Amino acid sequence: MPARARSWLVCALVLGAACGKKAAPPSGPPPELTGLAAVPATAEAVVGADVAKLARSPVVERAVDQLLLHNAELAARWQRVKDDCKIDLIKQVKRVMLAIGPHAGPAPGTGPVIMVVVGAIHEDALKDCVAKLVGNGGGTVTGATVEGRTLYLAKDGNRTMYFGYGRPDTIVLGSNEAYVREALGSGKKASENPDLTRWLTRVDQSAALWAVGRVDERVRSGLARVTAGKLATGPTAFAAVADLADGAKLQLSAIMATAQDAKSLESYVKNELALLTAAAQLKSLGSVVAKLTVAVEDDVVQFRAPLTVDDLNQLLSALDGGGTSAQDSAPATPGSGAGPK
């Protein structure tokens, strides 16, 4: 299966199911511990990850192994980080958050991006690490004082990265100086954005992976066209959660403009699922597709896809045109009849 097609598949699965109840307060650790306290109020989308939970996930471990196996350049860079920095990312990093700011150009999702890292990486250790990594290419690391903090600039050829500490345990990194400054500064943060606050009530911020964000107007109108006018407009926002402890239990809330649009989307998706289930039988994937469910709650369409490790192996095997790999299958349970006779 082509890498691009598989990437779209993964994206589709991650947007595959429903979140908590509408009236529930935001769940999970405080924003200072997740990194949300450093995210500017102007953010259009936020992605949060619990590093320890991701590291324990068999699905993530396999995906990383395959990525490094098929990308020699990325594998070499990762090895350099481990050799030169002496930083244990799994032990020293607790949470990572990505925030995308508003885009000024014609393409959605092209706004400035920052990464917020919460953990126990000392400032001097990080500065030395970055200096070693860019130094091999003749790069430099310089610092300037901004509002009592040091804003570092790492340059390696035509590539630049700004980073600094908002708190002793919080690092902000990005290629857009203005957005990094906004994150490190004392201006309004995500908790003061009413839209973000509402979307965040629909995710568990202690989950391995979660995301919330605004849906671009062009995507909304495009979905309305795809549904042949059954929707007045597409979703205004989304909220997604992935529990990857054992397989991939995926949840998505598509937040619609009206309750009527939510009902229309539910009806459309259910019809499409019926067709997809019939087609999936040809690939022996009927039982997997049958796990995809959709329901509506006021102006929110909720999806759920509780996939086990075997489900994922079966899905990927079918897409690759082969059979399920024995080494990837779940171990047989006692009394199941599996094993040598």
Protein backbone atom coordinates (compact mmCIF):
# COMPACT_ATOMS: atom_id res chain seq x y z
CA MET A 1 0.00 0.00 0.00
CA PRO A 2 1.46 3.42 -0.90
CA ALA A 3 2.77 5.42 2.05
CA ARG A 4 0.51 8.38 1.24
CA ALA A 5 -2.58 6.18 1.12
CA ARG A 6 -1.66 4.58 4.42
CA SER A 7 -1.17 8.00 5.98
CA TRP A 8 -4.69 8.97 4.93
CA LEU A 9 -5.97 5.70 6.36
CA VAL A 10 -4.32 6.40 9.72
CA CYS A 11 -5.77 9.93 9.74
CA ALA A 12 -9.22 8.56 8.95
CA LEU A 13 -9.00 6.01 11.76
CA VAL A 14 -7.80 8.58 14.27
CA LEU A 15 -10.90 10.61 13.42
CA GLY A 16 -13.01 7.54 14.03
CA ALA A 17 -15.18 7.89 17.16
CA ALA A 18 -16.93 9.76 20.01
CA CYS A 19 -15.88 11.63 23.14
CA GLY A 20 -17.27 12.49 26.58
CA LYS A 21 -20.62 14.04 27.38
CA LYS A 22 -21.32 17.57 26.31
CA ALA A 23 -21.85 19.06 29.76
CA ALA A 24 -18.80 17.49 31.37
CA PRO A 25 -15.97 19.77 32.52
CA PRO A 26 -12.51 19.41 30.96
CA SER A 27 -10.92 16.21 32.23
CA GLY A 28 -7.30 15.33 32.82
CA PRO A 29 -4.38 17.10 34.49
CA PRO A 30 -4.19 20.88 34.95
CA PRO A 31 -3.06 22.94 31.92
CA GLU A 32 0.33 23.59 33.51
CA LEU A 33 1.05 19.85 33.53
CA THR A 34 -0.20 19.16 30.01
CA GLY A 35 1.41 22.20 28.38
CA LEU A 36 -1.93 23.81 27.54
CA ALA A 37 -1.06 26.80 29.75
CA ALA A 38 1.56 27.80 27.16
CA VAL A 39 -0.75 27.56 24.13
CA PRO A 40 -1.82 30.99 22.79
CA ALA A 41 -5.53 31.81 22.73
CA THR A 42 -5.22 32.26 18.95
CA ALA A 43 -4.62 28.52 18.39
CA GLU A 44 -6.94 26.94 15.81
CA ALA A 45 -6.06 23.33 16.68
CA VAL A 46 -4.29 21.56 19.55
CA VAL A 47 -2.89 18.02 19.77
CA GLY A 48 -1.83 16.52 23.10
CA ALA A 49 0.17 13.35 23.82
CA ASP A 50 1.17 11.46 26.96
CA VAL A 51 4.68 10.21 26.15
CA ALA A 52 4.73 7.36 28.68
CA LYS A 53 1.40 5.96 27.46
CA LEU A 54 2.48 6.20 23.84
CA ALA A 55 5.76 4.46 24.66
CA ARG A 56 3.86 1.55 26.23
CA SER A 57 1.54 1.15 23.26
CA PRO A 58 2.25 -1.91 21.05
CA VAL A 59 0.64 -0.11 18.10
CA VAL A 60 2.89 2.94 18.46
CA GLU A 61 5.99 0.81 19.05
CA ARG A 62 5.36 -1.12 15.85
CA ALA A 63 4.63 2.05 13.87
CA VAL A 64 7.88 3.70 15.06
CA ASP A 65 9.90 0.57 14.27
CA GLN A 66 8.48 0.43 10.76
CA LEU A 67 9.05 4.15 10.23
CA LEU A 68 12.71 3.97 11.26
CA LEU A 69 13.20 0.79 9.26
CA HIS A 70 11.97 2.40 6.04
CA ASN A 71 13.47 5.87 6.55
CA ALA A 72 17.24 5.67 6.89
CA GLU A 73 17.68 9.45 7.19
CA LEU A 74 15.19 9.68 10.05
CA ALA A 75 16.80 6.69 11.77
CA ALA A 76 20.22 8.35 11.52
CA ARG A 77 18.89 11.59 13.00
CA TRP A 78 17.25 9.72 15.86
CA GLN A 79 20.51 7.90 16.56
CA ARG A 80 22.36 11.25 16.63
CA VAL A 81 19.91 12.58 19.21
CA LYS A 82 20.53 9.57 21.45
CA ASP A 83 24.31 9.63 20.98
CA ASP A 84 24.92 13.38 21.24
CA CYS A 85 22.32 14.56 23.71
CA LYS A 86 22.27 11.85 26.36
CA ILE A 87 18.64 12.80 27.02
CA ASP A 88 16.20 10.00 27.83
CA LEU A 89 13.06 11.27 26.13
CA ILE A 90 10.83 8.55 27.57
CA LYS A 91 11.90 9.22 31.16
CA GLN A 92 12.48 12.97 30.97
CA VAL A 93 9.51 14.05 28.84
CA LYS A 94 6.02 13.65 30.28
CA ARG A 95 3.81 15.36 27.74
CA VAL A 96 4.06 16.92 24.29
CA MET A 97 1.58 19.32 22.75
CA LEU A 98 1.33 20.79 19.24
CA ALA A 99 -0.61 23.98 18.60
CA ILE A 100 -1.43 25.41 15.17
CA GLY A 101 -2.10 29.12 14.91
CA PRO A 102 -4.38 30.89 12.43
CA HIS A 103 -3.25 30.70 8.80
CA ALA A 104 -2.84 33.86 6.76
CA GLY A 105 -2.46 32.21 3.35
CA PRO A 106 -4.97 30.39 1.13
CA ALA A 107 -4.30 26.86 2.41
CA PRO A 108 -5.86 25.55 5.65
CA GLY A 109 -3.58 24.11 8.32
CA THR A 110 -0.60 26.26 7.30
CA GLY A 111 -0.54 28.56 10.31
CA PRO A 112 2.47 28.80 12.63
CA VAL A 113 3.13 25.70 14.72
CA ILE A 114 4.66 25.40 18.16
CA MET A 115 5.59 22.35 20.21
CA VAL A 116 5.22 22.49 23.98
CA VAL A 117 7.25 19.92 25.93
CA VAL A 118 6.64 19.30 29.63
CA GLY A 119 9.22 17.30 31.55
CA ALA A 120 12.53 17.39 33.31
CA ILE A 121 15.08 18.52 30.72
CA HIS A 122 17.47 21.11 32.17
CA GLU A 123 17.88 24.27 30.11
CA ASP A 124 21.67 23.94 29.81
CA ALA A 125 21.32 20.29 28.72
CA LEU A 126 18.85 21.20 25.98
CA LYS A 127 20.97 24.11 24.76
CA ASP A 128 24.06 21.88 24.58
CA CYS A 129 22.07 19.16 22.82
CA VAL A 130 20.79 21.52 20.13
CA ALA A 131 24.27 23.04 19.70
CA LYS A 132 25.72 19.58 19.01
CA LEU A 133 22.98 18.68 16.56
CA VAL A 134 23.25 21.86 14.47
CA GLY A 135 26.98 22.19 14.93
CA ASN A 136 27.76 19.26 12.65
CA GLY A 137 26.24 21.22 9.79
CA GLY A 138 28.03 24.44 10.67
CA GLY A 139 25.01 25.77 12.54
CA THR A 140 24.86 28.11 15.52
CA VAL A 141 22.83 28.61 18.70
CA THR A 142 22.41 32.13 20.07
CA GLY A 143 20.26 33.59 22.82
CA ALA A 144 18.49 36.88 23.54
CA THR A 145 16.58 38.02 26.63
CA VAL A 146 12.82 38.37 26.13
CA GLU A 147 10.61 39.37 29.09
CA GLY A 148 13.15 38.01 31.53
CA ARG A 149 13.56 34.71 29.65
CA THR A 150 16.16 33.52 27.17
CA LEU A 151 14.86 32.99 23.65
CA TYR A 152 17.30 30.76 21.76
CA LEU A 153 17.75 30.72 18.00
CA ALA A 154 19.23 27.63 16.35
CA LYS A 155 20.30 28.01 12.72
CA ASP A 156 21.50 25.25 10.44
CA GLY A 157 21.77 26.37 6.82
CA ASN A 158 18.40 27.77 5.79
CA ARG A 159 16.60 26.10 8.71
CA THR A 160 15.81 27.99 11.91
CA MET A 161 14.23 27.04 15.22
CA TYR A 162 13.37 29.18 18.23
CA PHE A 163 13.01 27.73 21.69
CA GLY A 164 12.75 28.88 25.28
CA TYR A 165 11.46 27.96 28.73
CA GLY A 166 8.11 29.32 29.89
CA ARG A 167 8.56 27.46 33.22
CA PRO A 168 11.46 25.33 34.49
CA ASP A 169 9.58 22.23 33.25
CA THR A 170 8.06 23.68 30.07
CA ILE A 171 9.84 24.17 26.74
CA VAL A 172 8.32 25.97 23.76
CA LEU A 173 9.80 25.31 20.29
CA GLY A 174 8.88 26.52 16.82
CA SER A 175 10.15 27.99 13.56
CA ASN A 176 7.97 31.11 13.81
CA GLU A 177 9.59 33.60 16.19
CA ALA A 178 6.43 35.65 16.75
CA TYR A 179 4.35 32.61 17.71
CA VAL A 180 7.04 31.26 20.06
CA ARG A 181 7.20 34.69 21.70
CA GLU A 182 3.40 34.68 22.03
CA ALA A 183 3.52 31.31 23.77
CA LEU A 184 6.29 32.39 26.15
CA GLY A 185 4.70 35.77 26.85
CA SER A 186 2.01 36.76 29.35
CA GLY A 187 -0.77 37.25 26.80
CA LYS A 188 -4.05 35.34 26.64
CA LYS A 189 -3.81 31.56 26.55
CA ALA A 190 -6.05 28.71 25.40
CA SER A 191 -8.17 28.70 28.56
CA GLU A 192 -9.38 32.18 27.63
CA ASN A 193 -10.61 31.10 24.18
CA PRO A 194 -14.30 30.12 24.56
CA ASP A 195 -14.28 27.91 21.47
CA LEU A 196 -11.23 25.93 22.58
CA THR A 197 -12.70 25.66 26.08
CA ARG A 198 -15.88 24.11 24.72
CA TRP A 199 -14.06 21.66 22.47
CA LEU A 200 -11.77 20.60 25.32
CA THR A 201 -14.76 19.47 27.40
CA ARG A 202 -15.17 16.66 24.87
CA VAL A 203 -11.74 15.06 25.35
CA ASP A 204 -9.89 13.31 28.15
CA GLN A 205 -6.58 15.16 28.36
CA SER A 206 -5.04 12.25 30.28
CA ALA A 207 -5.48 9.99 27.22
CA ALA A 208 -2.49 8.79 25.22
CA LEU A 209 -3.45 11.04 22.30
CA TRP A 210 -6.15 13.65 21.79
CA ALA A 211 -6.88 16.59 19.52
CA VAL A 212 -9.36 19.45 19.13
CA GLY A 213 -9.61 22.07 16.44
CA ARG A 214 -11.60 24.28 14.11
CA VAL A 215 -12.57 22.89 10.71
CA ASP A 216 -11.59 25.15 7.83
CA GLU A 217 -14.48 26.68 5.87
CA ARG A 218 -13.30 25.07 2.62
CA VAL A 219 -13.35 21.63 4.21
CA ARG A 220 -16.84 22.31 5.59
CA SER A 221 -18.24 23.38 2.24
CA GLY A 222 -16.44 20.48 0.53
CA LEU A 223 -18.19 17.97 2.81
CA ALA A 224 -21.52 19.60 2.06
CA ARG A 225 -20.86 19.02 -1.66
CA VAL A 226 -19.80 15.40 -1.09
CA THR A 227 -23.08 14.69 0.67
CA ALA A 228 -24.98 16.03 -2.35
CA GLY A 229 -26.61 18.82 -0.42
CA LYS A 230 -27.81 16.70 2.50
CA LEU A 231 -25.84 19.05 4.78
CA ALA A 232 -26.21 22.82 4.83
CA THR A 233 -22.58 22.95 5.92
CA GLY A 234 -19.94 20.62 7.32
CA PRO A 235 -18.61 20.41 10.91
CA THR A 236 -17.44 23.61 12.54
CA ALA A 237 -14.97 21.80 14.83
CA PHE A 238 -13.80 18.36 15.95
CA ALA A 239 -12.60 16.65 19.11
CA ALA A 240 -10.79 13.30 18.98
CA VAL A 241 -9.29 10.83 21.46
CA ALA A 242 -7.17 7.70 20.93
CA ASP A 243 -6.66 5.06 23.63
CA LEU A 244 -3.72 2.99 22.34
CA ALA A 245 -3.04 0.78 25.36
CA ASP A 246 -4.35 -2.36 23.62
CA GLY A 247 -5.17 -1.83 19.98
CA ALA A 248 -6.75 1.50 19.03
CA LYS A 249 -9.94 2.66 20.71
CA LEU A 250 -10.70 5.74 18.62
CA GLN A 251 -13.27 8.42 19.32
CA LEU A 252 -14.44 11.50 17.46
CA SER A 253 -16.98 14.26 17.98
CA ALA A 254 -17.90 16.25 14.86
CA ILE A 255 -19.39 19.52 16.13
CA MET A 256 -21.98 20.77 13.65
CA ALA A 257 -23.49 24.20 13.09
CA THR A 258 -27.03 22.99 13.87
CA ALA A 259 -28.79 19.98 15.35
CA GLN A 260 -30.47 19.38 11.99
CA ASP A 261 -27.10 19.14 10.25
CA ALA A 262 -25.99 16.68 12.94
CA LYS A 263 -28.99 14.43 12.22
CA SER A 264 -28.40 14.72 8.47
CA LEU A 265 -24.74 13.72 8.82
CA GLU A 266 -25.66 10.78 11.07
CA SER A 267 -28.15 9.53 8.47
CA TYR A 268 -25.65 9.96 5.62
CA VAL A 269 -22.85 8.15 7.47
CA LYS A 270 -25.10 5.25 8.46
CA ASN A 271 -26.06 4.73 4.82
CA GLU A 272 -22.40 4.82 3.79
CA LEU A 273 -21.46 2.37 6.56
CA ALA A 274 -24.01 -0.10 5.24
CA LEU A 275 -22.39 0.05 1.81
CA LEU A 276 -18.90 -0.14 3.34
CA THR A 277 -19.85 -3.19 5.39
CA ALA A 278 -21.06 -4.99 2.29
CA ALA A 279 -17.86 -4.14 0.41
CA ALA A 280 -15.71 -5.12 3.39
CA GLN A 281 -17.06 -8.68 3.24
CA LEU A 282 -15.03 -9.17 0.06
CA LYS A 283 -11.84 -8.54 2.07
CA SER A 284 -13.06 -10.47 5.14
CA LEU A 285 -13.24 -7.19 7.03
CA GLY A 286 -16.95 -7.25 7.81
CA SER A 287 -16.38 -7.85 11.53
CA VAL A 288 -13.94 -4.91 11.72
CA VAL A 289 -16.19 -2.45 9.90
CA ALA A 290 -19.13 -3.58 12.04
CA LYS A 291 -17.37 -2.03 15.05
CA LEU A 292 -17.68 1.46 13.58
CA THR A 293 -20.66 3.20 15.15
CA VAL A 294 -22.27 6.62 14.82
CA ALA A 295 -24.75 8.47 17.04
CA VAL A 296 -26.01 12.02 17.42
CA GLU A 297 -26.27 14.23 20.51
CA ASP A 298 -27.84 17.64 19.88
CA ASP A 299 -25.45 19.38 17.44
CA VAL A 300 -22.67 16.79 17.77
CA VAL A 301 -22.19 13.64 15.71
CA GLN A 302 -20.27 11.04 17.68
CA PHE A 303 -18.25 8.21 16.12
CA ARG A 304 -16.57 5.26 17.80
CA ALA A 305 -14.12 2.61 16.54
CA PRO A 306 -12.91 0.23 19.29
CA LEU A 307 -10.28 -1.73 17.35
CA THR A 308 -8.20 -4.52 18.91
CA VAL A 309 -4.65 -5.44 17.90
CA ASP A 310 -6.06 -8.31 15.83
CA ASP A 311 -8.45 -5.91 14.10
CA LEU A 312 -5.58 -3.63 13.12
CA ASN A 313 -3.45 -6.53 11.90
CA GLN A 314 -6.35 -7.86 9.87
CA LEU A 315 -7.03 -4.44 8.38
CA LEU A 316 -3.42 -3.75 7.42
CA SER A 317 -2.96 -7.28 6.09
CA ALA A 318 -6.01 -6.94 3.85
CA LEU A 319 -4.88 -3.55 2.57
CA ASP A 320 -1.43 -4.98 1.81
CA GLY A 321 -3.04 -7.86 -0.07
CA GLY A 322 -1.66 -10.59 2.20
CA GLY A 323 -2.75 -12.76 5.07
CA THR A 324 -2.51 -11.98 8.76
CA SER A 325 1.05 -12.33 9.99
CA ALA A 326 1.40 -15.02 12.64
CA GLN A 327 3.92 -13.00 14.63
CA ASP A 328 1.50 -10.06 14.86
CA SER A 329 -1.51 -12.11 15.93
CA ALA A 330 -2.63 -12.12 19.53
CA PRO A 331 -1.47 -15.21 21.46
CA ALA A 332 -3.94 -18.06 21.61
CA THR A 333 -5.97 -18.31 24.80
CA PRO A 334 -6.05 -21.57 26.79
CA GLY A 335 -8.78 -23.86 25.55
CA SER A 336 -9.16 -22.02 22.26
CA GLY A 337 -8.11 -25.06 20.25
CA ALA A 338 -5.10 -23.23 18.82
CA GLY A 339 -1.64 -24.69 18.83
CA PRO A 340 -0.21 -28.08 17.98
CA LYS A 341 -2.46 -31.11 18.08
